C-alpha cells in the first residue's frame, strides 16, 4: 500500500459488499431460474460479476478518498458473497444429473 492511500473501514466495506452481493445474487439467481440454467444465463452472470470486480478494483485503486475505497472494496467483495452456495447447489445439480444417468 502506498503511503498516501487512505485507510478504509473494512467493516463498512464488508457491509457494502454484503448489501451489493445480496442484490447481485438475488438478480442472478432469478435470471438463472427464469432461463432454466442455460449456458447463456450463466455466462451473463459471470460477465456481470467480472464487471463488478473490475469496477470495484478500479475505484479502490484510483481514488484517495477512504469512503470511495470502501465502495470499491465492497464491489470487489459483492460477487464472492454468494459464491459458496451457488457452487454447492450447482454441484448437487450435476451430481443428480450424473446419478440419474447411471
Protein backbone atom coordinates (compact mmCIF):
# COMPACT_ATOMS: atom_id res chain seq x y z
CA UNK A 1 0.00 0.00 0.00
CA UNK A 2 1.30 3.43 -0.88
CA UNK A 3 1.93 5.93 1.88
CA UNK A 4 -0.73 8.35 0.59
CA UNK A 5 -3.54 5.78 0.39
CA UNK A 6 -6.44 6.44 2.71
CA UNK A 7 -7.08 3.77 5.32
CA UNK A 8 -10.51 2.27 4.82
CA UNK A 9 -13.04 0.95 7.28
CA UNK A 10 -13.27 -2.76 6.46
CA UNK A 11 -16.49 -3.13 8.45
CA UNK A 12 -18.11 -0.56 6.18
CA UNK A 13 -16.62 -2.24 3.09
CA UNK A 14 -17.93 -5.64 4.22
CA UNK A 15 -21.42 -4.20 4.77
CA UNK A 16 -21.39 -2.59 1.33
CA UNK A 17 -20.20 -5.89 -0.16
CA UNK A 18 -22.90 -7.83 1.66
CA UNK A 19 -25.67 -5.49 0.51
CA UNK A 20 -24.40 -5.30 -3.06
CA UNK A 21 -23.78 -9.06 -3.09
CA UNK A 22 -27.28 -9.79 -1.84
CA UNK A 23 -28.76 -7.66 -4.61
CA UNK A 24 -26.43 -9.16 -7.22
CA UNK A 25 -27.18 -12.76 -6.26
CA UNK A 26 -30.93 -12.14 -5.97
CA UNK A 27 -30.99 -10.90 -9.56
CA UNK A 28 -28.52 -13.57 -10.72
CA UNK A 29 -30.46 -16.48 -9.22
CA UNK A 30 -33.74 -15.11 -10.58
CA UNK A 31 -32.18 -14.82 -14.05
CA UNK A 32 -30.75 -18.35 -13.84
CA UNK A 33 -34.08 -19.81 -12.74
CA UNK A 34 -36.04 -17.86 -15.36
CA UNK A 35 -33.64 -19.01 -18.09
CA UNK A 36 -33.68 -22.58 -16.73
CA UNK A 37 -29.92 -22.56 -16.23
CA UNK A 38 -28.95 -22.15 -19.86
CA UNK A 39 -25.27 -21.56 -20.58
CA UNK A 40 -26.08 -18.06 -21.86
CA UNK A 41 -27.57 -17.16 -18.47
CA UNK A 42 -24.50 -18.48 -16.64
CA UNK A 43 -22.21 -16.54 -18.99
CA UNK A 44 -24.23 -13.37 -18.37
CA UNK A 45 -23.93 -13.78 -14.61
CA UNK A 46 -20.18 -14.36 -14.87
CA UNK A 47 -19.75 -11.30 -17.10
CA UNK A 48 -21.65 -9.08 -14.64
CA UNK A 49 -19.58 -10.47 -11.75
CA UNK A 50 -16.33 -9.76 -13.59
CA UNK A 51 -17.53 -6.22 -14.36
CA UNK A 52 -18.35 -5.67 -10.67
CA UNK A 53 -14.89 -6.83 -9.64
CA UNK A 54 -13.21 -4.69 -12.33
CA UNK A 55 -15.17 -1.56 -11.41
CA UNK A 56 -14.53 -2.15 -7.71
CA UNK A 57 -10.82 -2.67 -8.30
CA UNK A 58 -10.60 0.46 -10.40
CA UNK A 59 -12.46 2.50 -7.81
CA UNK A 60 -10.35 1.09 -4.99
CA UNK A 61 -7.05 1.81 -6.70
CA UNK A 62 -7.80 5.14 -8.37
CA UNK A 63 -9.23 7.22 -5.55
CA UNK A 64 -7.67 8.69 -2.45
CA UNK A 65 -10.91 9.00 -0.52
CA UNK A 66 -11.48 6.44 2.22
CA UNK A 67 -15.22 6.42 1.52
CA UNK A 68 -14.79 5.66 -2.18
CA UNK A 69 -12.20 2.99 -1.37
CA UNK A 70 -14.84 1.36 0.88
CA UNK A 71 -17.26 1.30 -2.05
CA UNK A 72 -14.56 -0.16 -4.29
CA UNK A 73 -13.70 -2.91 -1.81
CA UNK A 74 -17.40 -3.63 -1.34
CA UNK A 75 -17.92 -4.03 -5.08
CA UNK A 76 -14.98 -6.42 -5.25
CA UNK A 77 -16.45 -8.49 -2.41
CA UNK A 78 -20.03 -8.48 -3.76
CA UNK A 79 -19.84 -11.35 -6.29
CA UNK A 80 -17.99 -13.55 -3.80
CA UNK A 81 -20.68 -13.32 -1.09
CA UNK A 82 -22.93 -15.93 -2.68
CA UNK A 83 -20.33 -17.98 -4.49
CA UNK A 84 -20.20 -20.85 -1.98
CA UNK A 85 -23.97 -21.58 -2.04
CA UNK A 86 -24.01 -21.38 -5.84
CA UNK A 87 -21.12 -23.86 -6.09
CA UNK A 88 -22.79 -26.23 -3.60
CA UNK A 89 -26.15 -26.19 -5.39
CA UNK A 90 -24.55 -26.45 -8.83
CA UNK A 91 -22.53 -29.46 -7.65
CA UNK A 92 -25.70 -31.03 -6.23
CA UNK A 93 -27.46 -30.49 -9.56
CA UNK A 94 -24.58 -32.03 -11.50
CA UNK A 95 -24.46 -34.97 -9.09
CA UNK A 96 -28.20 -35.51 -9.52
CA UNK A 97 -27.86 -35.44 -13.31
CA UNK A 98 -24.94 -37.87 -13.25
CA UNK A 99 -26.74 -40.15 -10.78
CA UNK A 100 -29.91 -40.11 -12.87
CA UNK A 101 -27.92 -41.08 -15.95
CA UNK A 102 -26.48 -44.22 -14.34
